[in-house]
């Protein structure tokens, strides 16, 4: 479990850092350590979110209550349901996107077949995330969907900024080796 926690923290901080660098999240999350270039702002955010999660586990024990289980397990079950569902939705979107991205590929038939298989499998997983799931775990996929809708809406509502790759010399095409 410790290895999984470390892996999740590292991947979360790198993902948050990348979104901050690409100007999708506040710039403070893209701050790096001057000593070794580690994503300092994003790592601090992940640590703060972890502390808040621990405090919720300690002081709001009825939030994710599952009958017959300790609260920390219920919190883990809810979080893993949320994360697993969000990942399946990402896979679904990638499968749908591949239909357009590889439409002109010379291997178009195999891409279409693979995409359709991916769409069917992920659609089944999404269905399974809702089918006969009890409260409070059922709220995890609903919250993930709500966050997805907020993310899509913010893309269309908020004024877009120029991408970091067009603003920062070290991210431009000309500086790549």
N, C-alpha and C. Protein backbone atom coordinates (compact mmCIF):
# COMPACT_ATOMS: atom_id res chain seq x y z
N UNK A 1 0.82 -1.19 0.00
CA UNK A 1 0.00 0.00 0.00
C UNK A 1 0.87 1.26 0.00
N UNK A 2 2.02 1.18 0.68
CA UNK A 2 2.90 2.34 0.71
C UNK A 2 3.44 2.65 -0.69
N UNK A 3 3.79 1.61 -1.44
CA UNK A 3 4.29 1.83 -2.80
C UNK A 3 3.21 2.44 -3.68
N UNK A 4 1.97 1.99 -3.53
CA UNK A 4 0.87 2.56 -4.30
C UNK A 4 0.66 4.02 -3.91
N UNK A 5 0.73 4.31 -2.61
CA UNK A 5 0.55 5.69 -2.15
C UNK A 5 1.64 6.60 -2.71
N UNK A 6 2.88 6.12 -2.72
CA UNK A 6 3.98 6.92 -3.28
C UNK A 6 3.77 7.13 -4.78
N UNK A 7 3.41 6.06 -5.48
CA UNK A 7 3.16 6.18 -6.92
C UNK A 7 2.04 7.15 -7.24
N UNK A 8 0.96 7.08 -6.46
CA UNK A 8 -0.16 8.00 -6.68
C UNK A 8 0.24 9.44 -6.39
N UNK A 9 1.00 9.65 -5.33
CA UNK A 9 1.43 11.01 -4.98
C UNK A 9 2.34 11.58 -6.05
N UNK A 10 3.28 10.77 -6.53
CA UNK A 10 4.21 11.25 -7.56
C UNK A 10 3.46 11.55 -8.86
N UNK A 11 2.59 10.63 -9.28
CA UNK A 11 1.86 10.86 -10.54
C UNK A 11 0.90 12.03 -10.40
N UNK A 12 0.27 12.18 -9.25
CA UNK A 12 -0.63 13.32 -9.04
C UNK A 12 0.13 14.63 -9.09
N UNK A 13 1.28 14.68 -8.41
CA UNK A 13 2.04 15.94 -8.41
C UNK A 13 2.57 16.26 -9.80
N UNK A 14 2.97 15.25 -10.56
CA UNK A 14 3.45 15.51 -11.93
C UNK A 14 2.31 15.96 -12.84
N UNK A 15 1.14 15.35 -12.68
CA UNK A 15 -0.02 15.74 -13.49
C UNK A 15 -0.47 17.16 -13.16
N UNK A 16 -0.53 17.47 -11.87
CA UNK A 16 -0.93 18.82 -11.45
C UNK A 16 0.10 19.84 -11.91
N UNK A 17 1.38 19.49 -11.79
CA UNK A 17 2.44 20.37 -12.27
C UNK A 17 2.28 20.65 -13.77
N UNK A 18 2.04 19.60 -14.55
CA UNK A 18 1.90 19.76 -16.00
C UNK A 18 0.71 20.66 -16.34
N UNK A 19 -0.41 20.48 -15.63
CA UNK A 19 -1.57 21.34 -15.91
C UNK A 19 -1.31 22.77 -15.48
N UNK A 20 -0.55 22.96 -14.38
CA UNK A 20 -0.18 24.32 -13.97
C UNK A 20 0.76 24.96 -14.98
N UNK A 21 1.72 24.17 -15.47
CA UNK A 21 2.67 24.66 -16.48
C UNK A 21 1.96 25.01 -17.78
N UNK A 22 0.95 24.20 -18.13
CA UNK A 22 0.20 24.43 -19.36
C UNK A 22 -0.94 25.42 -19.17
N UNK A 23 -0.96 26.05 -18.02
CA UNK A 23 -1.89 27.14 -17.71
C UNK A 23 -3.35 26.70 -17.65
N UNK A 24 -3.58 25.49 -17.22
CA UNK A 24 -4.94 24.99 -16.99
C UNK A 24 -5.30 25.06 -15.51
N UNK A 25 -4.28 25.18 -14.65
CA UNK A 25 -4.44 25.34 -13.21
C UNK A 25 -3.61 26.56 -12.80
N UNK A 26 -3.80 27.07 -11.59
CA UNK A 26 -3.03 28.24 -11.15
C UNK A 26 -1.52 28.04 -11.28
N UNK A 27 -0.85 29.13 -11.61
CA UNK A 27 0.60 29.09 -11.87
C UNK A 27 1.40 28.64 -10.66
N UNK A 28 0.88 28.85 -9.44
CA UNK A 28 1.61 28.44 -8.24
C UNK A 28 1.84 26.93 -8.21
N UNK A 29 0.98 26.17 -8.88
CA UNK A 29 1.13 24.72 -8.91
C UNK A 29 2.25 24.28 -9.87
N UNK A 30 2.77 25.19 -10.66
CA UNK A 30 3.85 24.87 -11.59
C UNK A 30 5.22 25.30 -11.05
N UNK A 31 5.28 25.74 -9.80
CA UNK A 31 6.56 26.14 -9.22
C UNK A 31 7.45 24.91 -9.06
N UNK A 32 8.73 25.09 -9.33
CA UNK A 32 9.68 23.99 -9.19
C UNK A 32 10.78 24.35 -8.20
N UNK A 33 11.42 23.35 -7.67
CA UNK A 33 12.53 23.53 -6.75
C UNK A 33 13.74 24.04 -7.54
N UNK A 34 14.38 25.05 -7.04
CA UNK A 34 15.57 25.58 -7.72
C UNK A 34 16.74 24.59 -7.61
N UNK A 35 16.72 23.76 -6.59
CA UNK A 35 17.82 22.82 -6.37
C UNK A 35 17.79 21.64 -7.33
N UNK A 36 16.59 21.01 -7.51
CA UNK A 36 16.56 19.81 -8.34
C UNK A 36 15.44 19.78 -9.38
N UNK A 37 14.66 20.86 -9.49
CA UNK A 37 13.63 20.94 -10.51
C UNK A 37 12.36 20.16 -10.21
N UNK A 38 12.23 19.64 -9.00
CA UNK A 38 11.03 18.89 -8.62
C UNK A 38 9.82 19.82 -8.57
N UNK A 39 8.63 19.30 -8.85
CA UNK A 39 7.42 20.14 -8.86
C UNK A 39 6.98 20.51 -7.44
N UNK A 40 7.53 21.56 -6.90
CA UNK A 40 7.34 21.95 -5.51
C UNK A 40 5.90 22.38 -5.22
N UNK A 41 5.33 23.22 -6.06
CA UNK A 41 3.96 23.70 -5.83
C UNK A 41 2.95 22.57 -5.88
N UNK A 42 3.07 21.70 -6.86
CA UNK A 42 2.14 20.59 -7.00
C UNK A 42 2.32 19.58 -5.86
N UNK A 43 3.55 19.34 -5.47
CA UNK A 43 3.80 18.41 -4.36
C UNK A 43 3.22 18.96 -3.06
N UNK A 44 3.36 20.25 -2.84
CA UNK A 44 2.77 20.86 -1.64
C UNK A 44 1.24 20.73 -1.66
N UNK A 45 0.65 20.89 -2.82
CA UNK A 45 -0.80 20.72 -2.95
C UNK A 45 -1.22 19.29 -2.63
N UNK A 46 -0.48 18.30 -3.13
CA UNK A 46 -0.79 16.89 -2.88
C UNK A 46 -0.66 16.59 -1.39
N UNK A 47 0.38 17.12 -0.74
CA UNK A 47 0.56 16.90 0.70
C UNK A 47 -0.61 17.53 1.46
N UNK A 48 -0.99 18.76 1.09
CA UNK A 48 -2.11 19.42 1.77
C UNK A 48 -3.41 18.64 1.57
N UNK A 49 -3.65 18.15 0.37
CA UNK A 49 -4.86 17.36 0.11
C UNK A 49 -4.84 16.07 0.92
N UNK A 50 -3.66 15.46 1.07
CA UNK A 50 -3.53 14.24 1.87
C UNK A 50 -3.82 14.52 3.35
N UNK A 51 -3.34 15.63 3.85
CA UNK A 51 -3.61 16.00 5.24
C UNK A 51 -5.10 16.24 5.45
N UNK A 52 -5.74 16.92 4.52
CA UNK A 52 -7.19 17.15 4.62
C UNK A 52 -7.93 15.81 4.61
N UNK A 53 -7.50 14.88 3.77
CA UNK A 53 -8.12 13.55 3.72
C UNK A 53 -7.96 12.83 5.05
N UNK A 54 -6.76 12.90 5.64
CA UNK A 54 -6.54 12.27 6.94
C UNK A 54 -7.41 12.90 8.02
N UNK A 55 -7.55 14.22 7.99
CA UNK A 55 -8.40 14.89 8.97
C UNK A 55 -9.87 14.51 8.80
N UNK A 56 -10.31 14.38 7.57
CA UNK A 56 -11.69 13.93 7.31
C UNK A 56 -11.87 12.52 7.87
N UNK A 57 -10.89 11.66 7.65
CA UNK A 57 -10.98 10.29 8.15
C UNK A 57 -11.07 10.26 9.68
N UNK A 58 -10.34 11.14 10.33
CA UNK A 58 -10.32 11.15 11.79
C UNK A 58 -11.55 11.80 12.42
N UNK A 59 -12.04 12.88 11.83
CA UNK A 59 -13.05 13.68 12.51
C UNK A 59 -14.44 13.64 11.89
N UNK A 60 -14.60 13.09 10.70
CA UNK A 60 -15.92 13.02 10.07
C UNK A 60 -16.17 11.57 9.67
N UNK A 61 -16.25 10.73 10.66
CA UNK A 61 -16.28 9.29 10.44
C UNK A 61 -17.58 8.79 9.82
N UNK A 62 -18.62 9.59 9.77
CA UNK A 62 -19.86 9.15 9.15
C UNK A 62 -19.96 9.48 7.68
N UNK A 63 -18.99 10.19 7.14
CA UNK A 63 -19.08 10.66 5.75
C UNK A 63 -19.15 9.51 4.75
N UNK A 64 -18.28 8.54 4.86
CA UNK A 64 -18.23 7.42 3.92
C UNK A 64 -18.57 6.10 4.61
N UNK A 65 -19.40 6.15 5.61
CA UNK A 65 -19.68 4.97 6.43
C UNK A 65 -20.25 3.82 5.61
N UNK A 66 -19.61 2.67 5.71
CA UNK A 66 -20.11 1.42 5.14
C UNK A 66 -20.37 0.48 6.30
N UNK A 67 -21.54 -0.12 6.37
CA UNK A 67 -21.85 -0.99 7.51
C UNK A 67 -20.83 -2.12 7.65
N UNK A 68 -20.37 -2.30 8.87
CA UNK A 68 -19.46 -3.41 9.17
C UNK A 68 -18.02 -3.20 8.76
N UNK A 69 -17.64 -2.00 8.37
CA UNK A 69 -16.25 -1.74 7.99
C UNK A 69 -15.72 -0.53 8.74
N UNK A 70 -14.42 -0.50 9.01
CA UNK A 70 -13.84 0.70 9.62
C UNK A 70 -13.91 1.87 8.62
N UNK A 71 -13.94 3.07 9.14
CA UNK A 71 -14.10 4.23 8.27
C UNK A 71 -12.95 4.38 7.29
N UNK A 72 -11.72 4.07 7.69
CA UNK A 72 -10.60 4.21 6.77
C UNK A 72 -10.77 3.31 5.55
N UNK A 73 -11.36 2.12 5.75
CA UNK A 73 -11.60 1.24 4.61
C UNK A 73 -12.69 1.81 3.71
N UNK A 74 -13.74 2.36 4.32
CA UNK A 74 -14.81 2.97 3.54
C UNK A 74 -14.28 4.14 2.72
N UNK A 75 -13.40 4.94 3.33
CA UNK A 75 -12.79 6.06 2.61
C UNK A 75 -11.93 5.55 1.46
N UNK A 76 -11.16 4.49 1.69
CA UNK A 76 -10.35 3.89 0.63
C UNK A 76 -11.24 3.36 -0.49
N UNK A 77 -12.31 2.65 -0.13
CA UNK A 77 -13.22 2.09 -1.14
C UNK A 77 -13.84 3.20 -1.98
N UNK A 78 -14.24 4.29 -1.33
CA UNK A 78 -14.85 5.40 -2.06
C UNK A 78 -13.82 6.04 -2.99
N UNK A 79 -12.62 6.29 -2.48
CA UNK A 79 -11.57 6.91 -3.31
C UNK A 79 -11.15 6.04 -4.47
N UNK A 80 -11.04 4.73 -4.25
CA UNK A 80 -10.65 3.86 -5.34
C UNK A 80 -11.77 3.73 -6.37
N UNK A 81 -13.01 3.81 -5.93
CA UNK A 81 -14.14 3.81 -6.87
C UNK A 81 -14.10 5.08 -7.72
N UNK A 82 -13.87 6.21 -7.08
CA UNK A 82 -13.78 7.48 -7.80
C UNK A 82 -12.65 7.43 -8.83
N UNK A 83 -11.47 7.02 -8.39
CA UNK A 83 -10.30 6.99 -9.29
C UNK A 83 -10.46 5.99 -10.42
N UNK A 84 -10.96 4.81 -10.09
CA UNK A 84 -11.17 3.80 -11.13
C UNK A 84 -12.19 4.25 -12.16
N UNK A 85 -13.27 4.86 -11.70
CA UNK A 85 -14.29 5.34 -12.63
C UNK A 85 -13.72 6.45 -13.51
N UNK A 86 -13.00 7.39 -12.91
CA UNK A 86 -12.42 8.49 -13.69
C UNK A 86 -11.45 7.95 -14.75
N UNK A 87 -10.68 6.94 -14.39
CA UNK A 87 -9.75 6.34 -15.35
C UNK A 87 -10.49 5.66 -16.50
N UNK A 88 -11.58 4.98 -16.19
CA UNK A 88 -12.37 4.32 -17.25
C UNK A 88 -12.97 5.36 -18.19
N UNK A 89 -13.42 6.49 -17.65
CA UNK A 89 -13.96 7.55 -18.50
C UNK A 89 -12.87 8.10 -19.42
N UNK A 90 -11.66 8.25 -18.89
CA UNK A 90 -10.54 8.70 -19.71
C UNK A 90 -10.28 7.71 -20.84
N UNK A 91 -10.30 6.41 -20.54
CA UNK A 91 -10.12 5.40 -21.58
C UNK A 91 -11.22 5.47 -22.62
N UNK A 92 -12.45 5.70 -22.18
CA UNK A 92 -13.55 5.84 -23.12
C UNK A 92 -13.32 7.03 -24.06
N UNK A 93 -12.94 8.16 -23.49
CA UNK A 93 -12.68 9.35 -24.31
C UNK A 93 -11.51 9.13 -25.27
N UNK A 94 -10.50 8.40 -24.82
CA UNK A 94 -9.37 8.09 -25.72
C UNK A 94 -9.82 7.19 -26.86
N UNK A 95 -10.67 6.22 -26.57
CA UNK A 95 -11.17 5.33 -27.63
C UNK A 95 -12.00 6.10 -28.64
N UNK A 96 -12.85 6.99 -28.15
CA UNK A 96 -13.67 7.80 -29.05
C UNK A 96 -12.77 8.74 -29.86
N UNK A 97 -11.80 9.36 -29.19
CA UNK A 97 -10.89 10.27 -29.87
C UNK A 97 -10.04 9.61 -30.92
N UNK A 98 -9.71 8.33 -30.71
CA UNK A 98 -8.88 7.63 -31.70
C UNK A 98 -9.61 7.46 -33.03
N UNK A 99 -10.93 7.41 -32.98
CA UNK A 99 -11.69 7.31 -34.24
C UNK A 99 -11.42 8.50 -35.14
N UNK A 100 -11.33 9.67 -34.53
CA UNK A 100 -11.06 10.88 -35.32
C UNK A 100 -9.58 11.05 -35.62
N UNK A 101 -8.76 10.80 -34.62
CA UNK A 101 -7.32 11.03 -34.78
C UNK A 101 -6.68 10.13 -35.83
N UNK A 102 -7.14 8.89 -35.91
CA UNK A 102 -6.52 7.94 -36.83
C UNK A 102 -7.43 7.61 -38.02
N UNK A 103 -8.37 8.49 -38.32
CA UNK A 103 -9.32 8.23 -39.41
C UNK A 103 -8.63 8.14 -40.76
N UNK A 104 -7.53 8.82 -40.93
CA UNK A 104 -6.83 8.81 -42.22
C UNK A 104 -5.64 7.86 -42.22
N UNK A 105 -5.51 7.06 -41.18
CA UNK A 105 -4.40 6.12 -41.07
C UNK A 105 -4.51 5.03 -42.14
N UNK A 106 -3.37 4.49 -42.51
CA UNK A 106 -3.38 3.40 -43.48
C UNK A 106 -3.96 2.12 -42.87
N UNK A 107 -3.94 2.04 -41.54
CA UNK A 107 -4.52 0.89 -40.84
C UNK A 107 -5.88 1.27 -40.24
N UNK A 108 -6.66 1.98 -40.99
CA UNK A 108 -7.93 2.52 -40.51
C UNK A 108 -8.87 1.44 -39.98
N UNK A 109 -8.96 0.30 -40.64
CA UNK A 109 -9.89 -0.76 -40.22
C UNK A 109 -9.50 -1.30 -38.85
N UNK A 110 -8.23 -1.57 -38.65
CA UNK A 110 -7.81 -2.09 -37.35
C UNK A 110 -7.99 -1.05 -36.25
N UNK A 111 -7.80 0.23 -36.57
CA UNK A 111 -8.02 1.30 -35.60
C UNK A 111 -9.50 1.37 -35.23
N UNK A 112 -10.38 1.29 -36.21
CA UNK A 112 -11.81 1.35 -35.94
C UNK A 112 -12.25 0.16 -35.09
N UNK A 113 -11.77 -1.03 -35.44
CA UNK A 113 -12.13 -2.22 -34.66
C UNK A 113 -11.63 -2.09 -33.23
N UNK A 114 -10.38 -1.66 -33.06
CA UNK A 114 -9.82 -1.49 -31.72
C UNK A 114 -10.57 -0.43 -30.93
N UNK A 115 -10.92 0.67 -31.59
CA UNK A 115 -11.65 1.74 -30.90
C UNK A 115 -13.03 1.26 -30.48
N UNK A 116 -13.72 0.54 -31.34
CA UNK A 116 -15.06 0.05 -31.00
C UNK A 116 -14.98 -0.93 -29.84
N UNK A 117 -13.98 -1.81 -29.84
CA UNK A 117 -13.80 -2.74 -28.72
C UNK A 117 -13.52 -1.96 -27.43
N UNK A 118 -12.66 -0.95 -27.52
CA UNK A 118 -12.37 -0.11 -26.36
C UNK A 118 -13.61 0.61 -25.85
N UNK A 119 -14.42 1.11 -26.76
CA UNK A 119 -15.64 1.81 -26.37
C UNK A 119 -16.61 0.85 -25.68
N UNK A 120 -16.77 -0.35 -26.22
CA UNK A 120 -17.69 -1.32 -25.62
C UNK A 120 -17.22 -1.76 -24.23
N UNK A 121 -15.94 -2.03 -24.09
CA UNK A 121 -15.42 -2.47 -22.80
C UNK A 121 -15.54 -1.37 -21.76
N UNK A 122 -15.16 -0.15 -22.12
CA UNK A 122 -15.25 0.94 -21.15
C UNK A 122 -16.69 1.31 -20.85
N UNK A 123 -17.57 1.21 -21.83
CA UNK A 123 -18.99 1.47 -21.57
C UNK A 123 -19.55 0.43 -20.58
N UNK A 124 -19.12 -0.82 -20.72
CA UNK A 124 -19.54 -1.86 -19.77
C UNK A 124 -19.00 -1.57 -18.37
N UNK A 125 -17.76 -1.10 -18.29
CA UNK A 125 -17.19 -0.76 -16.99
C UNK A 125 -17.92 0.42 -16.36
N UNK A 126 -18.30 1.39 -17.17
CA UNK A 126 -19.06 2.53 -16.65
C UNK A 126 -20.42 2.06 -16.15
N UNK A 127 -21.08 1.19 -16.90
CA UNK A 127 -22.35 0.63 -16.44
C UNK A 127 -22.17 -0.09 -15.11
N UNK A 128 -21.11 -0.86 -14.98
CA UNK A 128 -20.83 -1.58 -13.74
C UNK A 128 -20.54 -0.67 -12.56
N UNK A 129 -20.11 0.55 -12.83
CA UNK A 129 -19.85 1.50 -11.77
C UNK A 129 -21.13 2.01 -11.12
N UNK A 130 -22.25 1.84 -11.80
CA UNK A 130 -23.54 2.31 -11.29
C UNK A 130 -24.48 1.17 -10.91
N UNK A 131 -24.34 0.02 -11.54
CA UNK A 131 -25.29 -1.08 -11.38
C UNK A 131 -25.20 -1.69 -9.99
N UNK A 132 -26.27 -1.60 -9.22
CA UNK A 132 -26.41 -2.17 -7.88
C UNK A 132 -25.34 -1.70 -6.90
N UNK A 133 -24.82 -0.49 -7.07
CA UNK A 133 -23.85 0.07 -6.13
C UNK A 133 -24.63 0.83 -5.06
N UNK A 134 -24.27 0.62 -3.81
CA UNK A 134 -25.01 1.22 -2.71
C UNK A 134 -24.40 2.55 -2.29
N UNK A 135 -25.14 3.27 -1.48
CA UNK A 135 -24.67 4.54 -0.93
C UNK A 135 -23.69 4.24 0.20
N UNK A 136 -22.67 4.96 0.40
CA UNK A 136 -22.24 6.20 -0.21
C UNK A 136 -21.33 6.01 -1.43
N UNK A 137 -20.97 4.76 -1.74
CA UNK A 137 -20.04 4.51 -2.84
C UNK A 137 -20.60 4.97 -4.18
N UNK A 138 -21.90 4.92 -4.35
CA UNK A 138 -22.53 5.33 -5.61
C UNK A 138 -22.25 6.80 -5.92
N UNK A 139 -21.96 7.59 -4.89
CA UNK A 139 -21.71 9.02 -5.12
C UNK A 139 -20.35 9.27 -5.77
N UNK A 140 -19.44 8.32 -5.70
CA UNK A 140 -18.10 8.51 -6.30
C UNK A 140 -18.17 8.71 -7.81
N UNK A 141 -18.84 7.82 -8.57
CA UNK A 141 -18.89 8.07 -10.01
C UNK A 141 -19.70 9.31 -10.36
N UNK A 142 -20.72 9.61 -9.56
CA UNK A 142 -21.49 10.83 -9.84
C UNK A 142 -20.64 12.07 -9.63
N UNK A 143 -19.82 12.09 -8.57
CA UNK A 143 -18.93 13.23 -8.36
C UNK A 143 -17.90 13.33 -9.49
N UNK A 144 -17.38 12.20 -9.93
CA UNK A 144 -16.42 12.20 -11.04
C UNK A 144 -17.07 12.77 -12.31
N UNK A 145 -18.31 12.38 -12.57
CA UNK A 145 -19.02 12.94 -13.74
C UNK A 145 -19.26 14.43 -13.58
N UNK A 146 -19.61 14.86 -12.37
CA UNK A 146 -19.82 16.29 -12.12
C UNK A 146 -18.54 17.08 -12.37
N UNK A 147 -17.41 16.55 -11.91
CA UNK A 147 -16.13 17.22 -12.14
C UNK A 147 -15.77 17.24 -13.63
N UNK A 148 -16.11 16.18 -14.34
CA UNK A 148 -15.88 16.15 -15.78
C UNK A 148 -16.69 17.24 -16.48
N UNK A 149 -17.94 17.38 -16.09
CA UNK A 149 -18.80 18.40 -16.68
C UNK A 149 -18.26 19.79 -16.35
N UNK A 150 -17.83 20.00 -15.11
CA UNK A 150 -17.25 21.30 -14.73
C UNK A 150 -15.99 21.57 -15.56
N UNK A 151 -15.15 20.55 -15.76
CA UNK A 151 -13.95 20.72 -16.57
C UNK A 151 -14.26 21.07 -18.01
N UNK A 152 -15.22 20.35 -18.60
CA UNK A 152 -15.61 20.67 -19.98
C UNK A 152 -16.22 22.07 -20.07
N UNK A 153 -17.09 22.40 -19.11
CA UNK A 153 -17.74 23.71 -19.12
C UNK A 153 -16.70 24.83 -18.97
N UNK A 154 -15.72 24.61 -18.09
CA UNK A 154 -14.71 25.66 -17.91
C UNK A 154 -13.88 25.86 -19.16
N UNK A 155 -13.72 24.81 -19.95
CA UNK A 155 -12.98 24.92 -21.20
C UNK A 155 -13.69 25.86 -22.16
N UNK A 156 -15.02 25.82 -22.15
CA UNK A 156 -15.79 26.65 -23.08
C UNK A 156 -16.15 28.01 -22.51
N UNK A 157 -16.28 28.11 -21.20
CA UNK A 157 -16.72 29.36 -20.58
C UNK A 157 -15.55 30.31 -20.31
N UNK A 158 -14.48 29.76 -19.74
CA UNK A 158 -13.34 30.61 -19.39
C UNK A 158 -12.53 30.97 -20.62
N UNK A 159 -12.01 32.17 -20.61
CA UNK A 159 -11.19 32.63 -21.72
C UNK A 159 -9.89 31.82 -21.78
N UNK A 160 -9.61 31.30 -22.91
CA UNK A 160 -8.41 30.47 -23.07
C UNK A 160 -7.15 31.33 -23.05
N UNK A 161 -6.12 30.79 -22.45
CA UNK A 161 -4.82 31.45 -22.48
C UNK A 161 -3.96 30.76 -23.52
N UNK A 162 -2.95 31.44 -23.98
CA UNK A 162 -2.02 30.82 -24.93
C UNK A 162 -1.28 29.71 -24.20
N UNK A 163 -1.03 28.63 -24.90
CA UNK A 163 -0.38 27.48 -24.27
C UNK A 163 1.03 27.82 -23.83
N UNK A 164 1.49 27.10 -22.82
CA UNK A 164 2.83 27.33 -22.30
C UNK A 164 3.88 27.07 -23.36
N UNK A 165 3.63 26.11 -24.27
CA UNK A 165 4.64 25.80 -25.29
C UNK A 165 4.86 26.97 -26.24
N UNK A 166 3.87 27.85 -26.37
CA UNK A 166 4.06 29.02 -27.22
C UNK A 166 4.64 30.20 -26.45
N UNK A 167 4.63 30.11 -25.13
CA UNK A 167 5.10 31.21 -24.28
C UNK A 167 6.48 30.96 -23.68
N UNK A 168 6.79 29.70 -23.41
CA UNK A 168 8.03 29.37 -22.72
C UNK A 168 9.01 28.72 -23.70
N UNK A 169 10.19 29.28 -23.78
CA UNK A 169 11.18 28.82 -24.75
C UNK A 169 11.57 27.36 -24.55
N UNK A 170 11.64 26.91 -23.28
CA UNK A 170 12.08 25.52 -23.05
C UNK A 170 11.01 24.49 -23.41
N UNK A 171 9.79 24.92 -23.74
CA UNK A 171 8.74 24.00 -24.15
C UNK A 171 8.42 24.10 -25.64
N UNK A 172 9.09 24.98 -26.36
CA UNK A 172 8.79 25.16 -27.77
C UNK A 172 9.45 24.08 -28.61
N UNK A 173 8.95 23.90 -29.82
CA UNK A 173 9.47 22.88 -30.75
C UNK A 173 10.94 23.09 -31.05
N UNK A 174 11.37 24.33 -31.18
CA UNK A 174 12.74 24.63 -31.55
C UNK A 174 13.77 24.25 -30.51
N UNK A 175 13.33 24.12 -29.25
CA UNK A 175 14.29 23.83 -28.20
C UNK A 175 14.40 22.34 -27.89
N UNK A 176 13.58 21.51 -28.53
CA UNK A 176 13.62 20.08 -28.27
C UNK A 176 14.78 19.45 -28.99
N UNK A 177 15.36 18.46 -28.33
CA UNK A 177 16.52 17.77 -28.89
C UNK A 177 16.09 16.52 -29.60
